[in-house]
Protein backbone atom coordinates (compact mmCIF):
# COMPACT_ATOMS: atom_id res chain seq x y z
CA MET A 1 0.00 0.00 0.00
CA ASP A 2 2.87 2.39 0.78
CA GLU A 3 4.34 1.70 -2.65
CA PHE A 4 1.11 2.79 -4.41
CA ARG A 5 0.92 5.90 -2.22
CA ASN A 6 4.52 6.85 -3.08
CA ASP A 7 3.92 6.31 -6.80
CA ALA A 8 0.81 8.50 -6.65
CA TYR A 9 2.74 11.19 -4.79
CA LYS A 10 5.54 11.17 -7.38
CA ASN A 11 3.07 11.30 -10.27
CA ALA A 12 1.17 14.19 -8.70
CA LYS A 13 4.40 16.07 -8.03
CA SER A 14 5.70 15.64 -11.58
CA TYR A 15 2.31 16.69 -13.02
CA LYS A 16 2.26 19.85 -10.88
CA GLU A 17 5.80 20.74 -11.95
CA TRP A 18 4.87 20.26 -15.62
CA MET A 19 1.73 22.40 -15.24
CA LYS A 20 3.70 25.17 -13.51
CA LYS A 21 6.24 25.25 -16.36
CA TRP A 22 3.45 25.35 -18.93
CA HIS A 23 1.57 28.10 -17.05
CA ASP A 24 4.68 30.23 -16.58
CA LYS A 25 5.45 29.92 -20.28
CA GLN A 26 1.97 31.27 -21.18
CA ILE A 27 2.32 34.45 -19.09
CA LEU A 28 3.09 37.53 -21.18
CA ARG A 29 5.07 40.26 -19.47
CA CYS A 30 4.09 43.84 -20.26
CA GLU A 31 6.72 46.55 -20.19
CA PHE A 32 5.53 49.97 -19.04
CA ALA A 33 7.31 53.32 -19.34
CA PRO A 34 6.48 56.79 -17.99
CA GLY A 35 4.14 58.74 -20.25
CA GLN A 36 2.26 55.72 -21.63
CA GLN A 37 -1.51 55.46 -21.48
CA VAL A 38 -2.93 52.44 -19.61
CA LEU A 39 -6.26 51.02 -18.42
CA PHE A 40 -6.69 50.01 -14.78
CA PHE A 41 -8.64 46.94 -13.61
CA ASN A 42 -10.72 48.21 -10.69
CA LEU A 43 -11.55 45.41 -8.26
CA ARG A 44 -13.76 47.64 -6.14
CA LEU A 45 -16.47 47.77 -8.81
CA LYS A 46 -17.65 44.21 -8.21
CA PHE A 47 -20.60 45.17 -5.98
CA PHE A 48 -23.82 46.32 -7.71
CA LEU A 49 -22.14 46.08 -11.08
CA GLY A 50 -24.12 45.51 -14.24
CA LYS A 51 -23.60 42.19 -15.92
CA LEU A 52 -21.95 43.60 -19.03
CA LYS A 53 -20.24 46.65 -17.51
CA SER A 54 -16.47 46.72 -17.88
CA ARG A 55 -14.23 46.88 -14.81
CA TRP A 56 -11.44 48.51 -16.82
CA THR A 57 -11.25 52.24 -16.07
CA GLY A 58 -9.12 54.94 -17.53
CA PRO A 59 -7.11 55.85 -19.47
CA TYR A 60 -4.45 56.87 -16.97
CA THR A 61 -0.95 58.17 -17.62
CA ILE A 62 2.04 56.40 -16.10
CA TYR A 63 3.87 58.86 -13.87
CA LYS A 64 6.64 56.67 -12.44
CA VAL A 65 7.68 53.01 -12.74
CA SER A 66 9.16 51.45 -9.59
CA SER A 67 10.99 48.20 -9.22
CA PHE A 68 9.09 44.96 -8.50
CA GLY A 69 5.92 46.03 -10.31
CA GLY A 70 4.84 49.19 -8.51
CA ILE A 71 3.56 51.86 -10.90
CA ASP A 72 2.39 55.38 -10.07
CA LEU A 73 -0.55 56.51 -12.20
CA LYS A 74 -1.83 60.02 -12.81
CA ASP A 75 -5.48 60.61 -13.67
CA THR A 76 -6.91 63.55 -15.62
CA THR A 77 -7.32 65.68 -12.47
CA GLY A 78 -3.66 65.24 -11.49
CA ASN A 79 -4.14 62.77 -8.63
CA ILE A 80 -1.31 60.24 -8.31
CA PHE A 81 -1.79 56.74 -6.89
CA ARG A 82 0.25 53.53 -6.88
CA VAL A 83 -0.94 50.20 -8.30
CA ASN A 84 0.51 46.83 -9.19
CA ASP A 85 1.47 46.30 -12.84
CA GLN A 86 -0.59 43.10 -13.02
CA ARG A 87 -3.76 45.22 -12.90
CA LEU A 88 -2.82 47.30 -15.94
CA LYS A 89 -3.00 46.88 -19.68
CA HIS A 90 -1.91 49.15 -22.50
CA TYR A 91 -4.40 51.65 -23.88
CA TYR A 92 -4.22 52.15 -27.64
CA GLY A 93 -6.82 54.93 -28.02
CA GLU A 94 -10.38 55.06 -29.20
CA GLN A 95 -11.53 52.66 -31.87
CA VAL A 96 -11.71 54.35 -35.24
CA GLU A 97 -14.89 53.70 -37.18
CA ARG A 98 -14.07 52.12 -40.50
CA ASN A 99 -15.79 53.16 -43.69
CA TYR A 100 -17.18 50.10 -45.43
CA GLU A 101 -18.07 50.17 -49.09
CA PHE A 102 -21.40 48.67 -50.08
CA ILE A 103 -21.14 46.18 -52.96
CA PRO A 104 -24.48 45.10 -54.47
CA LEU A 105 -24.48 41.40 -55.33
CA GLY A 106 -27.57 41.34 -57.46
CA ASP A 107 -30.66 39.18 -57.26
CA PRO A 108 -29.80 35.57 -56.32
CA ASN A 109 -33.01 34.30 -57.96
CA LEU A 110 -31.88 35.22 -61.51
């Protein structure tokens, strides 16, 4: 019985190590620099939030980048606050509406 328990322990340990390597490989690191525009994931909006409302707020401007993931953000009123870089993503501006050309295909019954 101890032999089966040890085999199961070794299998579980090797599986967890493999999954950790796979998970760490999937993580994409974002590099931030002062002056960039970012969106902030606000965890405090989870109460009384609409089902389809986004928790991403912003855009904010990066004021200062500290070591180990601390980033100081500046909002439009000039307030500065510090957040973790894991709660940020790059902001690329407003979506530009594209002009689509209408192409008539004709009557399919002909």
